[in-house]
Amino acid sequence: MNKAWLKSTLELLLKLALIGVAAYFIFSKLQSTQYHGVFTYTWHDPYIYLSVFFTLWVANLLFDAIIWQVVNNFVETINLKRAFKTNFICYALAFITPANSGELAGRYVMLNQKGDRQKTVFLTFWSHFPRFITKFLLGGSALILLAYYESKITLTYALLGILLISVVLITIYLSILKIQKWLNERNAGKWDISKYILNNRPILSEKITLLFLSIGKYLSYNLQFIGLLAMWNPEILGIELFLSVIVFYFITALIPTFAAADFIIKGALAIYIFDSSLASEAELINASFIIWIFNIALPALFGTGIILKTNLLHSIKMRFSRGNRYGL
């Protein structure tokens, strides 16, 4: 039996089992409470909250596009329109693949030169690594502040903890270029590493830009969730809700799943993480579902339209079929 096939099959079954457990958890929780759809709630200042929600939704997509534009410019200068197009295609392909693996295929086919396509993994890494650092930086800090807010630690320990997390993560983030240079010098393994990475990119200014863009994207995503819950129950607005949402998205970001079933995992975790005084089970599930619709499903739908309109699916099949003349 092929070991690679066995490993991929086991990973797939594990993710499906995780989704199944999450779905069962949601169902069992909802049996103990009366479920209400979003239209049964009293909507407070909907024009204000919905305007903010859609502004944050656009901002989230915009931050994501600018991040890819900055990263793509390492090898080829592109405009913002092409960055949006590339991202929508990646959303569509990631929607049907585990752990967003389809994103690599989308980024690969959208690079014009073969030499640039060989750096797809490197470029994709740098579009996600600043976000990874951001999630740990903000999520870890929020977790510490939440512990302080609940009187579990003193302010001194909270500030020291945040300082330690910040120093460690920023040091790692700024030092990663040294690892790239070390790999290139050692020519790790049997590969010619120089074909797959750019030794001197990103430069410091690009790193800082990517980090701030990632922070903006992460916060815009978080604030969408807060806005929905506050629209249904404005009394919950406060520091505890803000910190809880940041911690929530920090934890969910560590769990691999399918984009198509992302809201199931997030809905289950939301019920587990959030205090019942902040929001009901039904409100958390509805908010998770709406966030999923706008930030994952709709962009994937836009991307599917682009793929079908441009016949990009044929290019993907040609470049990733056996015996093709292209190479990563």
C-alpha atoms as a PDB file:
ATOM      1  CA  MET A   1       0.000   0.000   0.000  1.00  0.00           C
ATOM      2  CA  ASN A   2       1.296   3.472  -0.926  1.00  0.00           C
ATOM      3  CA  LYS A   3       2.425   5.218   2.268  1.00  0.00           C
ATOM      4  CA  ALA A   4       1.707   8.702   0.888  1.00  0.00           C
ATOM      5  CA  TRP A   5      -1.827   7.661  -0.043  1.00  0.00           C
ATOM      6  CA  LEU A   6      -2.352   6.115   3.388  1.00  0.00           C
ATOM      7  CA  LYS A   7      -1.115   9.260   5.128  1.00  0.00           C
ATOM      8  CA  SER A   8      -3.327  11.580   3.067  1.00  0.00           C
ATOM      9  CA  THR A   9      -6.318   9.282   3.612  1.00  0.00           C
ATOM     10  CA  LEU A  10      -5.791   9.244   7.378  1.00  0.00           C
ATOM     11  CA  GLU A  11      -5.478  13.042   7.444  1.00  0.00           C
ATOM     12  CA  LEU A  12      -8.681  13.357   5.450  1.00  0.00           C
ATOM     13  CA  LEU A  13     -10.546  10.980   7.767  1.00  0.00           C
ATOM     14  CA  LEU A  14      -9.251  12.876  10.808  1.00  0.00           C
ATOM     15  CA  LYS A  15     -10.509  16.201   9.461  1.00  0.00           C
ATOM     16  CA  LEU A  16     -13.873  14.693   8.528  1.00  0.00           C
ATOM     17  CA  ALA A  17     -14.142  13.192  12.013  1.00  0.00           C
ATOM     18  CA  LEU A  18     -13.358  16.604  13.537  1.00  0.00           C
ATOM     19  CA  ILE A  19     -16.112  18.204  11.455  1.00  0.00           C
ATOM     20  CA  GLY A  20     -18.508  15.424  12.469  1.00  0.00           C
ATOM     21  CA  VAL A  21     -17.768  15.891  16.164  1.00  0.00           C
ATOM     22  CA  ALA A  22     -18.207  19.661  15.852  1.00  0.00           C
ATOM     23  CA  ALA A  23     -21.527  19.250  14.038  1.00  0.00           C
ATOM     24  CA  TYR A  24     -22.770  16.811  16.693  1.00  0.00           C
ATOM     25  CA  PHE A  25     -21.661  19.203  19.439  1.00  0.00           C
ATOM     26  CA  ILE A  26     -23.641  22.056  17.859  1.00  0.00           C
ATOM     27  CA  PHE A  27     -26.715  19.857  17.378  1.00  0.00           C
ATOM     28  CA  SER A  28     -26.636  18.567  20.957  1.00  0.00           C
ATOM     29  CA  LYS A  29     -26.217  22.081  22.342  1.00  0.00           C
ATOM     30  CA  LEU A  30     -29.136  23.397  20.338  1.00  0.00           C
ATOM     31  CA  GLN A  31     -31.370  20.646  21.705  1.00  0.00           C
ATOM     32  CA  SER A  32     -31.106  22.252  25.134  1.00  0.00           C
ATOM     33  CA  THR A  33     -32.172  25.709  23.944  1.00  0.00           C
ATOM     34  CA  GLN A  34     -34.729  27.135  21.550  1.00  0.00           C
ATOM     35  CA  TYR A  35     -33.048  27.977  18.256  1.00  0.00           C
ATOM     36  CA  HIS A  36     -33.761  31.353  16.667  1.00  0.00           C
ATOM     37  CA  GLY A  37     -32.794  32.505  13.198  1.00  0.00           C
ATOM     38  CA  VAL A  38     -31.279  35.935  12.576  1.00  0.00           C
ATOM     39  CA  PHE A  39     -34.622  37.387  11.477  1.00  0.00           C
ATOM     40  CA  THR A  40     -36.272  36.580  14.799  1.00  0.00           C
ATOM     41  CA  TYR A  41     -33.858  38.843  16.681  1.00  0.00           C
ATOM     42  CA  THR A  42     -34.391  42.492  17.499  1.00  0.00           C
ATOM     43  CA  TRP A  43     -31.903  44.332  15.303  1.00  0.00           C
ATOM     44  CA  HIS A  44     -30.507  47.457  17.001  1.00  0.00           C
ATOM     45  CA  ASP A  45     -29.395  50.279  14.671  1.00  0.00           C
ATOM     46  CA  PRO A  46     -29.105  47.871  11.715  1.00  0.00           C
ATOM     47  CA  TYR A  47     -28.126  50.579   9.211  1.00  0.00           C
ATOM     48  CA  ILE A  48     -25.143  51.558  11.321  1.00  0.00           C
ATOM     49  CA  TYR A  49     -24.019  48.030  12.194  1.00  0.00           C
ATOM     50  CA  LEU A  50     -24.564  46.638   8.702  1.00  0.00           C
ATOM     51  CA  SER A  51     -22.709  49.572   7.150  1.00  0.00           C
ATOM     52  CA  VAL A  52     -19.796  48.889   9.483  1.00  0.00           C
ATOM     53  CA  PHE A  53     -20.011  45.149   8.751  1.00  0.00           C
ATOM     54  CA  PHE A  54     -19.849  45.591   4.970  1.00  0.00           C
ATOM     55  CA  THR A  55     -17.066  48.165   5.291  1.00  0.00           C
ATOM     56  CA  LEU A  56     -15.050  45.695   7.364  1.00  0.00           C
ATOM     57  CA  TRP A  57     -15.851  42.908   4.885  1.00  0.00           C
ATOM     58  CA  VAL A  58     -14.469  44.972   2.000  1.00  0.00           C
ATOM     59  CA  ALA A  59     -11.490  45.989   4.164  1.00  0.00           C
ATOM     60  CA  ASN A  60     -10.739  42.334   4.907  1.00  0.00           C
ATOM     61  CA  LEU A  61     -10.681  41.469   1.192  1.00  0.00           C
ATOM     62  CA  LEU A  62      -8.663  44.604   0.447  1.00  0.00           C
ATOM     63  CA  PHE A  63      -6.023  43.826   3.088  1.00  0.00           C
ATOM     64  CA  ASP A  64      -5.752  40.297   1.686  1.00  0.00           C
ATOM     65  CA  ALA A  65      -5.305  41.578  -1.875  1.00  0.00           C
ATOM     66  CA  ILE A  66      -2.665  44.140  -0.889  1.00  0.00           C
ATOM     67  CA  ILE A  67      -0.775  41.453   1.046  1.00  0.00           C
ATOM     68  CA  TRP A  68      -0.599  39.306  -2.085  1.00  0.00           C
ATOM     69  CA  GLN A  69       0.302  42.314  -4.229  1.00  0.00           C
ATOM     70  CA  VAL A  70       3.271  43.076  -1.959  1.00  0.00           C
ATOM     71  CA  VAL A  71       4.379  39.431  -1.971  1.00  0.00           C
ATOM     72  CA  ASN A  72       3.854  38.917  -5.719  1.00  0.00           C
ATOM     73  CA  ASN A  73       5.931  42.031  -6.352  1.00  0.00           C
ATOM     74  CA  PHE A  74       8.939  40.090  -5.052  1.00  0.00           C
ATOM     75  CA  VAL A  75       9.088  38.449  -8.485  1.00  0.00           C
ATOM     76  CA  GLU A  76       6.655  40.333 -10.711  1.00  0.00           C
ATOM     77  CA  THR A  77       4.940  43.705 -10.333  1.00  0.00           C
ATOM     78  CA  ILE A  78       1.143  43.411 -10.448  1.00  0.00           C
ATOM     79  CA  ASN A  79      -1.712  45.851  -9.914  1.00  0.00           C
ATOM     80  CA  LEU A  80      -4.368  45.560  -7.228  1.00  0.00           C
ATOM     81  CA  LYS A  81      -6.964  44.249  -9.698  1.00  0.00           C
ATOM     82  CA  ARG A  82      -4.818  41.225 -10.552  1.00  0.00           C
ATOM     83  CA  ALA A  83      -4.128  40.645  -6.845  1.00  0.00           C
ATOM     84  CA  PHE A  84      -7.891  40.522  -6.209  1.00  0.00           C
ATOM     85  CA  LYS A  85      -8.361  38.163  -9.161  1.00  0.00           C
ATOM     86  CA  THR A  86      -5.622  35.829  -7.945  1.00  0.00           C
ATOM     87  CA  ASN A  87      -7.059  35.767  -4.436  1.00  0.00           C
ATOM     88  CA  PHE A  88     -10.595  35.012  -5.632  1.00  0.00           C
ATOM     89  CA  ILE A  89      -9.272  32.095  -7.682  1.00  0.00           C
ATOM     90  CA  CYS A  90      -7.393  30.841  -4.618  1.00  0.00           C
ATOM     91  CA  TYR A  91     -10.535  31.179  -2.465  1.00  0.00           C
ATOM     92  CA  ALA A  92     -12.409  28.993  -4.930  1.00  0.00           C
ATOM     93  CA  LEU A  93      -9.742  26.278  -5.073  1.00  0.00           C
ATOM     94  CA  ALA A  94      -9.161  26.362  -1.302  1.00  0.00           C
ATOM     95  CA  PHE A  95     -12.910  25.965  -0.723  1.00  0.00           C
ATOM     96  CA  ILE A  96     -12.849  22.338  -1.867  1.00  0.00           C
ATOM     97  CA  THR A  97      -9.448  21.266  -0.566  1.00  0.00           C
ATOM     98  CA  PRO A  98      -8.285  20.459   2.995  1.00  0.00           C
ATOM     99  CA  ALA A  99      -6.235  23.053   4.885  1.00  0.00           C
ATOM    100  CA  ASN A 100      -6.638  25.494   1.947  1.00  0.00           C
ATOM    101  CA  SER A 101      -4.119  23.478  -0.076  1.00  0.00           C
ATOM    102  CA  GLY A 102      -5.805  24.503  -3.327  1.00  0.00           C
ATOM    103  CA  GLU A 103      -4.415  27.985  -2.775  1.00  0.00           C
ATOM    104  CA  LEU A 104      -0.993  26.806  -3.950  1.00  0.00           C
ATOM    105  CA  ALA A 105      -2.438  25.679  -7.286  1.00  0.00           C
ATOM    106  CA  GLY A 106      -4.148  29.024  -7.762  1.00  0.00           C
ATOM    107  CA  ARG A 107      -1.053  31.054  -7.017  1.00  0.00           C
ATOM    108  CA  TYR A 108       1.048  28.746  -9.195  1.00  0.00           C
ATOM    109  CA  VAL A 109      -1.044  29.148 -12.356  1.00  0.00           C
ATOM    110  CA  MET A 110      -1.392  32.916 -11.927  1.00  0.00           C
ATOM    111  CA  LEU A 111       2.379  33.500 -12.059  1.00  0.00           C
ATOM    112  CA  ASN A 112       3.506  34.194 -15.614  1.00  0.00           C
ATOM    113  CA  GLN A 113       7.085  32.904 -15.694  1.00  0.00           C
ATOM    114  CA  LYS A 114       8.137  29.315 -15.018  1.00  0.00           C
ATOM    115  CA  GLY A 115      11.022  30.507 -12.851  1.00  0.00           C
ATOM    116  CA  ASP A 116       8.575  32.526 -10.774  1.00  0.00           C
ATOM    117  CA  ARG A 117       6.181  29.575 -10.467  1.00  0.00           C
ATOM    118  CA  GLN A 118       8.974  27.578  -8.843  1.00  0.00           C
ATOM    119  CA  LYS A 119       8.810  30.085  -5.989  1.00  0.00           C
ATOM    120  CA  THR A 120       5.071  29.573  -5.365  1.00  0.00           C
ATOM    121  CA  VAL A 121       5.580  27.901  -1.978  1.00  0.00           C
ATOM    122  CA  PHE A 122       7.978  30.646  -0.895  1.00  0.00           C
ATOM    123  CA  LEU A 123       5.603  33.419  -1.937  1.00  0.00           C
ATOM    124  CA  THR A 124       2.616  31.709  -0.340  1.00  0.00           C
ATOM    125  CA  PHE A 125       4.625  31.260   2.847  1.00  0.00           C
ATOM    126  CA  TRP A 126       5.292  34.991   3.014  1.00  0.00           C
ATOM    127  CA  SER A 127       1.633  35.796   2.430  1.00  0.00           C
ATOM    128  CA  HIS A 128       0.731  33.664   5.467  1.00  0.00           C
ATOM    129  CA  PHE A 129       3.700  33.885   7.853  1.00  0.00           C
ATOM    130  CA  PRO A 130       2.989  37.513   8.908  1.00  0.00           C
ATOM    131  CA  ARG A 131      -0.622  36.460   9.605  1.00  0.00           C
ATOM    132  CA  PHE A 132       0.606  33.531  11.673  1.00  0.00           C
ATOM    133  CA  ILE A 133       2.762  35.880  13.754  1.00  0.00           C
ATOM    134  CA  THR A 134      -0.151  38.325  14.050  1.00  0.00           C
ATOM    135  CA  LYS A 135      -2.538  35.653  15.327  1.00  0.00           C
ATOM    136  CA  PHE A 136      -0.093  34.522  18.006  1.00  0.00           C
ATOM    137  CA  LEU A 137       0.840  38.099  18.912  1.00  0.00           C
ATOM    138  CA  LEU A 138      -2.709  39.452  19.237  1.00  0.00           C
ATOM    139  CA  GLY A 139      -4.271  36.165  20.319  1.00  0.00           C
ATOM    140  CA  GLY A 140      -1.682  35.505  23.012  1.00  0.00           C
ATOM    141  CA  SER A 141      -1.866  39.097  24.262  1.00  0.00           C
ATOM    142  CA  ALA A 142      -5.674  38.972  24.342  1.00  0.00           C
ATOM    143  CA  LEU A 143      -5.577  35.710  26.270  1.00  0.00           C
ATOM    144  CA  ILE A 144      -3.300  37.262  28.902  1.00  0.00           C
ATOM    145  CA  LEU A 145      -5.453  40.405  29.134  1.00  0.00           C
ATOM    146  CA  LEU A 146      -8.561  38.272  29.459  1.00  0.00           C
ATOM    147  CA  ALA A 147      -6.934  36.450  32.377  1.00  0.00           C
ATOM    148  CA  TYR A 148      -6.156  39.831  33.965  1.00  0.00           C
ATOM    149  CA  TYR A 149      -9.697  41.077  33.277  1.00  0.00           C
ATOM    150  CA  GLU A 150     -11.060  38.006  35.080  1.00  0.00           C
ATOM    151  CA  SER A 151      -8.657  38.672  38.022  1.00  0.00           C
ATOM    152  CA  LYS A 152      -6.632  35.498  37.458  1.00  0.00           C
ATOM    153  CA  ILE A 153      -3.307  37.344  37.194  1.00  0.00           C
ATOM    154  CA  THR A 154      -2.018  40.751  38.252  1.00  0.00           C
ATOM    155  CA  LEU A 155      -1.445  43.672  35.877  1.00  0.00           C
ATOM    156  CA  THR A 156       2.330  43.314  36.306  1.00  0.00           C
ATOM    157  CA  TYR A 157       2.294  39.687  35.163  1.00  0.00           C
ATOM    158  CA  ALA A 158      -0.045  40.565  32.312  1.00  0.00           C
ATOM    159  CA  LEU A 159       2.261  43.296  31.006  1.00  0.00           C
ATOM    160  CA  LEU A 160       5.338  41.089  31.395  1.00  0.00           C
ATOM    161  CA  GLY A 161       3.588  38.271  29.545  1.00  0.00           C
ATOM    162  CA  ILE A 162       2.602  40.532  26.659  1.00  0.00           C
ATOM    163  CA  LEU A 163       6.117  41.978  26.504  1.00  0.00           C
ATOM    164  CA  LEU A 164       7.654  38.487  26.423  1.00  0.00           C
ATOM    165  CA  ILE A 165       5.301  37.288  23.689  1.00  0.00           C
ATOM    166  CA  SER A 166       5.935  40.420  21.635  1.00  0.00           C
ATOM    167  CA  VAL A 167       9.727  40.226  21.899  1.00  0.00           C
ATOM    168  CA  VAL A 168       9.861  36.502  21.064  1.00  0.00           C
ATOM    169  CA  LEU A 169       7.474  36.694  18.094  1.00  0.00           C
ATOM    170  CA  ILE A 170       8.926  39.871  16.588  1.00  0.00           C
ATOM    171  CA  THR A 171      12.444  38.414  16.937  1.00  0.00           C
ATOM    172  CA  ILE A 172      11.359  35.240  15.137  1.00  0.00           C
ATOM    173  CA  TYR A 173       9.616  37.254  12.446  1.00  0.00           C
ATOM    174  CA  LEU A 174      12.566  39.519  11.753  1.00  0.00           C
ATOM    175  CA  SER A 175      15.115  36.678  11.941  1.00  0.00           C
ATOM    176  CA  ILE A 176      13.460  34.307   9.468  1.00  0.00           C
ATOM    177  CA  LEU A 177      15.523  35.785   6.630  1.00  0.00           C
ATOM    178  CA  LYS A 178      18.634  34.351   8.286  1.00  0.00           C
ATOM    179  CA  ILE A 179      17.126  30.868   8.001  1.00  0.00           C
ATOM    180  CA  GLN A 180      16.495  31.451   4.291  1.00  0.00           C
ATOM    181  CA  LYS A 181      20.123  32.475   3.807  1.00  0.00           C
ATOM    182  CA  TRP A 182      21.336  29.480   5.834  1.00  0.00           C
ATOM    183  CA  LEU A 183      19.268  27.094   3.688  1.00  0.00           C
ATOM    184  CA  ASN A 184      20.569  28.680   0.525  1.00  0.00           C
ATOM    185  CA  GLU A 185      24.179  28.446   1.695  1.00  0.00           C
ATOM    186  CA  ARG A 186      23.829  24.829   2.827  1.00  0.00           C
ATOM    187  CA  ASN A 187      21.734  23.902  -0.232  1.00  0.00           C
ATOM    188  CA  ALA A 188      19.636  21.726   2.125  1.00  0.00           C
ATOM    189  CA  GLY A 189      18.787  18.294   0.823  1.00  0.00           C
ATOM    190  CA  LYS A 190      19.163  17.418  -2.849  1.00  0.00           C
ATOM    191  CA  TRP A 191      17.376  20.519  -4.134  1.00  0.00           C
ATOM    192  CA  ASP A 192      18.899  23.673  -5.516  1.00  0.00           C
ATOM    193  CA  ILE A 193      17.253  25.894  -2.914  1.00  0.00           C
ATOM    194  CA  SER A 194      18.005  29.077  -4.848  1.00  0.00           C
ATOM    195  CA  LYS A 195      15.392  28.024  -7.435  1.00  0.00           C
ATOM    196  CA  TYR A 196      12.655  28.019  -4.833  1.00  0.00           C
ATOM    197  CA  ILE A 197      13.398  31.005  -2.596  1.00  0.00           C
ATOM    198  CA  LEU A 198      14.485  34.604  -2.935  1.00  0.00           C
ATOM    199  CA  ASN A 199      17.517  34.965  -0.714  1.00  0.00           C
ATOM    200  CA  ASN A 200      17.183  38.668   0.079  1.00  0.00           C
ATOM    201  CA  ARG A 201      13.407  39.118   0.142  1.00  0.00           C
ATOM    202  CA  PRO A 202      11.411  40.385   1.821  1.00  0.00           C
ATOM    203  CA  ILE A 203      13.443  43.377   2.899  1.00  0.00           C
ATOM    204  CA  LEU A 204      12.782  45.016   6.281  1.00  0.00           C
ATOM    205  CA  SER A 205      10.285  47.581   4.956  1.00  0.00           C
ATOM    206  CA  GLU A 206       8.326  44.802   3.216  1.00  0.00           C
ATOM    207  CA  LYS A 207       8.272  42.721   6.407  1.00  0.00           C
ATOM    208  CA  ILE A 208       6.910  45.652   8.411  1.00  0.00           C
ATOM    209  CA  THR A 209       4.324  46.421   5.713  1.00  0.00           C
ATOM    210  CA  LEU A 210       3.145  42.797   5.608  1.00  0.00           C
ATOM    211  CA  LEU A 211       2.908  42.640   9.401  1.00  0.00           C
ATOM    212  CA  PHE A 212       0.744  45.765   9.662  1.00  0.00           C
ATOM    213  CA  LEU A 213      -1.455  44.623   6.769  1.00  0.00           C
ATOM    214  CA  SER A 214      -1.897  41.282   8.530  1.00  0.00           C
ATOM    215  CA  ILE A 215      -2.881  43.034  11.759  1.00  0.00           C
ATOM    216  CA  GLY A 216      -5.437  45.098   9.829  1.00  0.00           C
ATOM    217  CA  LYS A 217      -6.882  41.994   8.173  1.00  0.00           C
ATOM    218  CA  TYR A 218      -7.086  40.075  11.453  1.00  0.00           C
ATOM    219  CA  LEU A 219      -8.806  42.926  13.289  1.00  0.00           C
ATOM    220  CA  SER A 220     -11.259  43.607  10.450  1.00  0.00           C
ATOM    221  CA  TYR A 221     -12.283  39.943  10.520  1.00  0.00           C
ATOM    222  CA  ASN A 222     -12.677  39.994  14.310  1.00  0.00           C
ATOM    223  CA  LEU A 223     -14.678  43.211  14.325  1.00  0.00           C
ATOM    224  CA  GLN A 224     -17.186  41.763  11.847  1.00  0.00           C
ATOM    225  CA  PHE A 225     -18.062  39.081  14.389  1.00  0.00           C
ATOM    226  CA  ILE A 226     -18.296  41.636  17.203  1.00  0.00           C
ATOM    227  CA  GLY A 227     -20.531  43.884  15.094  1.00  0.00           C
ATOM    228  CA  LEU A 228     -23.031  41.126  14.375  1.00  0.00           C
ATOM    229  CA  LEU A 229     -23.322  40.093  18.025  1.00  0.00           C
ATOM    230  CA  ALA A 230     -23.605  43.739  19.130  1.00  0.00           C
ATOM    231  CA  MET A 231     -26.334  44.433  16.561  1.00  0.00           C
ATOM    232  CA  TRP A 232     -28.464  41.722  18.146  1.00  0.00           C
ATOM    233  CA  ASN A 233     -27.474  42.605  21.701  1.00  0.00           C
ATOM    234  CA  PRO A 234     -25.619  45.945  22.099  1.00  0.00           C
ATOM    235  CA  GLU A 235     -25.366  45.512  25.862  1.00  0.00           C
ATOM    236  CA  ILE A 236     -22.574  42.949  25.438  1.00  0.00           C
ATOM    237  CA  LEU A 237     -20.193  45.470  23.868  1.00  0.00           C
ATOM    238  CA  GLY A 238     -17.076  45.806  25.988  1.00  0.00           C
ATOM    239  CA  ILE A 239     -13.507  44.717  26.547  1.00  0.00           C
ATOM    240  CA  GLU A 240     -14.469  41.160  27.488  1.00  0.00           C
ATOM    241  CA  LEU A 241     -16.272  40.581  24.176  1.00  0.00           C
ATOM    242  CA  PHE A 242     -13.413  42.138  22.181  1.00  0.00           C
ATOM    243  CA  LEU A 243     -10.766  40.008  23.893  1.00  0.00           C
ATOM    244  CA  SER A 244     -12.918  36.863  23.705  1.00  0.00           C
ATOM    245  CA  VAL A 245     -13.377  37.249  19.937  1.00  0.00           C
ATOM    246  CA  ILE A 246      -9.635  37.714  19.374  1.00  0.00           C
ATOM    247  CA  VAL A 247      -8.897  34.599  21.459  1.00  0.00           C
ATOM    248  CA  PHE A 248     -11.647  32.719  19.625  1.00  0.00           C
ATOM    249  CA  TYR A 249     -10.185  33.404  16.179  1.00  0.00           C
ATOM    250  CA  PHE A 250      -6.692  32.707  17.472  1.00  0.00           C
ATOM    251  CA  ILE A 251      -7.737  29.226  18.602  1.00  0.00           C
ATOM    252  CA  THR A 252      -9.784  28.432  15.484  1.00  0.00           C
ATOM    253  CA  ALA A 253      -6.845  29.440  13.273  1.00  0.00           C
ATOM    254  CA  LEU A 254      -4.803  26.584  14.785  1.00  0.00           C
ATOM    255  CA  ILE A 255      -7.301  23.907  13.691  1.00  0.00           C
ATOM    256  CA  PRO A 256      -7.028  22.685  10.071  1.00  0.00           C
ATOM    257  CA  THR A 257     -10.317  22.051   8.301  1.00  0.00           C
ATOM    258  CA  PHE A 258     -12.125  22.436   4.989  1.00  0.00           C
ATOM    259  CA  ALA A 259     -13.122  25.968   4.022  1.00  0.00           C
ATOM    260  CA  ALA A 260     -16.492  24.551   2.958  1.00  0.00           C
ATOM    261  CA  ALA A 261     -17.155  23.367   6.545  1.00  0.00           C
ATOM    262  CA  ASP A 262     -15.283  26.111   8.366  1.00  0.00           C
ATOM    263  CA  PHE A 263     -18.374  27.565  10.025  1.00  0.00           C
ATOM    264  CA  ILE A 264     -19.183  24.208  11.672  1.00  0.00           C
ATOM    265  CA  ILE A 265     -15.847  24.117  13.488  1.00  0.00           C
ATOM    266  CA  LYS A 266     -16.030  27.807  14.402  1.00  0.00           C
ATOM    267  CA  GLY A 267     -19.632  27.506  15.567  1.00  0.00           C
ATOM    268  CA  ALA A 268     -18.786  24.606  17.867  1.00  0.00           C
ATOM    269  CA  LEU A 269     -15.741  26.353  19.321  1.00  0.00           C
ATOM    270  CA  ALA A 270     -17.669  29.592  19.790  1.00  0.00           C
ATOM    271  CA  ILE A 271     -20.221  27.790  21.957  1.00  0.00           C
ATOM    272  CA  TYR A 272     -17.405  26.295  24.007  1.00  0.00           C
ATOM    273  CA  ILE A 273     -15.258  29.437  24.341  1.00  0.00           C
ATOM    274  CA  PHE A 274     -17.744  32.255  24.838  1.00  0.00           C
ATOM    275  CA  ASP A 275     -19.417  32.831  28.171  1.00  0.00           C
ATOM    276  CA  SER A 276     -23.190  32.395  27.944  1.00  0.00           C
ATOM    277  CA  SER A 277     -23.602  35.932  29.296  1.00  0.00           C
ATOM    278  CA  LEU A 278     -22.004  37.316  26.121  1.00  0.00           C
ATOM    279  CA  ALA A 279     -24.133  35.531  23.528  1.00  0.00           C
ATOM    280  CA  SER A 280     -26.502  32.594  23.165  1.00  0.00           C
ATOM    281  CA  GLU A 281     -25.639  29.431  21.252  1.00  0.00           C
ATOM    282  CA  ALA A 282     -27.965  30.434  18.418  1.00  0.00           C
ATOM    283  CA  GLU A 283     -26.398  33.907  18.105  1.00  0.00           C
ATOM    284  CA  LEU A 284     -22.888  32.455  17.980  1.00  0.00           C
ATOM    285  CA  ILE A 285     -23.821  29.916  15.310  1.00  0.00           C
ATOM    286  CA  ASN A 286     -25.646  32.525  13.226  1.00  0.00           C
ATOM    287  CA  ALA A 287     -22.728  34.954  13.465  1.00  0.00           C
ATOM    288  CA  SER A 288     -20.247  32.220  12.498  1.00  0.00           C
ATOM    289  CA  PHE A 289     -22.413  31.246   9.529  1.00  0.00           C
ATOM    290  CA  ILE A 290     -22.772  34.827   8.261  1.00  0.00           C
ATOM    291  CA  ILE A 291     -19.020  35.431   8.587  1.00  0.00           C
ATOM    292  CA  TRP A 292     -18.437  32.207   6.637  1.00  0.00           C
ATOM    293  CA  ILE A 293     -20.889  33.237   3.910  1.00  0.00           C
ATOM    294  CA  PHE A 294     -19.299  36.625   3.289  1.00  0.00           C
ATOM    295  CA  ASN A 295     -15.610  35.899   3.869  1.00  0.00           C
ATOM    296  CA  ILE A 296     -15.306  32.364   2.500  1.00  0.00           C
ATOM    297  CA  ALA A 297     -18.325  31.230   0.454  1.00  0.00           C
ATOM    298  CA  LEU A 298     -18.952  34.431  -1.542  1.00  0.00           C
ATOM    299  CA  PRO A 299     -15.263  35.019  -2.438  1.00  0.00           C
ATOM    300  CA  ALA A 300     -15.075  31.349  -3.470  1.00  0.00           C
ATOM    301  CA  LEU A 301     -18.149  31.877  -5.657  1.00  0.00           C
ATOM    302  CA  PHE A 302     -16.563  34.942  -7.272  1.00  0.00           C
ATOM    303  CA  GLY A 303     -13.404  32.910  -7.867  1.00  0.00           C
ATOM    304  CA  THR A 304     -15.373  30.050  -9.416  1.00  0.00           C
ATOM    305  CA  GLY A 305     -16.925  32.527 -11.850  1.00  0.00           C
ATOM    306  CA  ILE A 306     -13.462  33.780 -12.833  1.00  0.00           C
ATOM    307  CA  ILE A 307     -12.175  30.219 -13.312  1.00  0.00           C
ATOM    308  CA  LEU A 308     -15.114  29.269 -15.534  1.00  0.00           C
ATOM    309  CA  LYS A 309     -15.033  32.520 -17.489  1.00  0.00           C
ATOM    310  CA  THR A 310     -11.317  32.337 -18.265  1.00  0.00           C
ATOM    311  CA  ASN A 311     -11.166  28.538 -18.719  1.00  0.00           C
ATOM    312  CA  LEU A 312      -8.475  28.496 -16.051  1.00  0.00           C
ATOM    313  CA  LEU A 313      -9.550  25.022 -14.982  1.00  0.00           C
ATOM    314  CA  HIS A 314      -7.993  23.647 -18.181  1.00  0.00           C
ATOM    315  CA  SER A 315      -4.686  25.339 -17.343  1.00  0.00           C
ATOM    316  CA  ILE A 316      -4.760  23.898 -13.847  1.00  0.00           C
ATOM    317  CA  LYS A 317      -5.381  20.373 -15.181  1.00  0.00           C
ATOM    318  CA  MET A 318      -2.625  20.744 -17.778  1.00  0.00           C
ATOM    319  CA  ARG A 319      -0.049  22.000 -15.314  1.00  0.00           C
ATOM    320  CA  PHE A 320      -0.795  19.501 -12.570  1.00  0.00           C
ATOM    321  CA  SER A 321      -1.493  16.368 -14.602  1.00  0.00           C
ATOM    322  CA  ARG A 322       1.017  13.539 -14.760  1.00  0.00           C
ATOM    323  CA  GLY A 323       3.726  13.908 -17.336  1.00  0.00           C
ATOM    324  CA  ASN A 324       3.205  17.643 -17.756  1.00  0.00           C
ATOM    325  CA  ARG A 325       6.123  19.799 -18.814  1.00  0.00           C
ATOM    326  CA  TYR A 326       5.759  22.265 -15.964  1.00  0.00           C
ATOM    327  CA  GLY A 327       7.531  21.946 -12.683  1.00  0.00           C
ATOM    328  CA  LEU A 328       7.296  23.361  -9.213  1.00  0.00           C
END
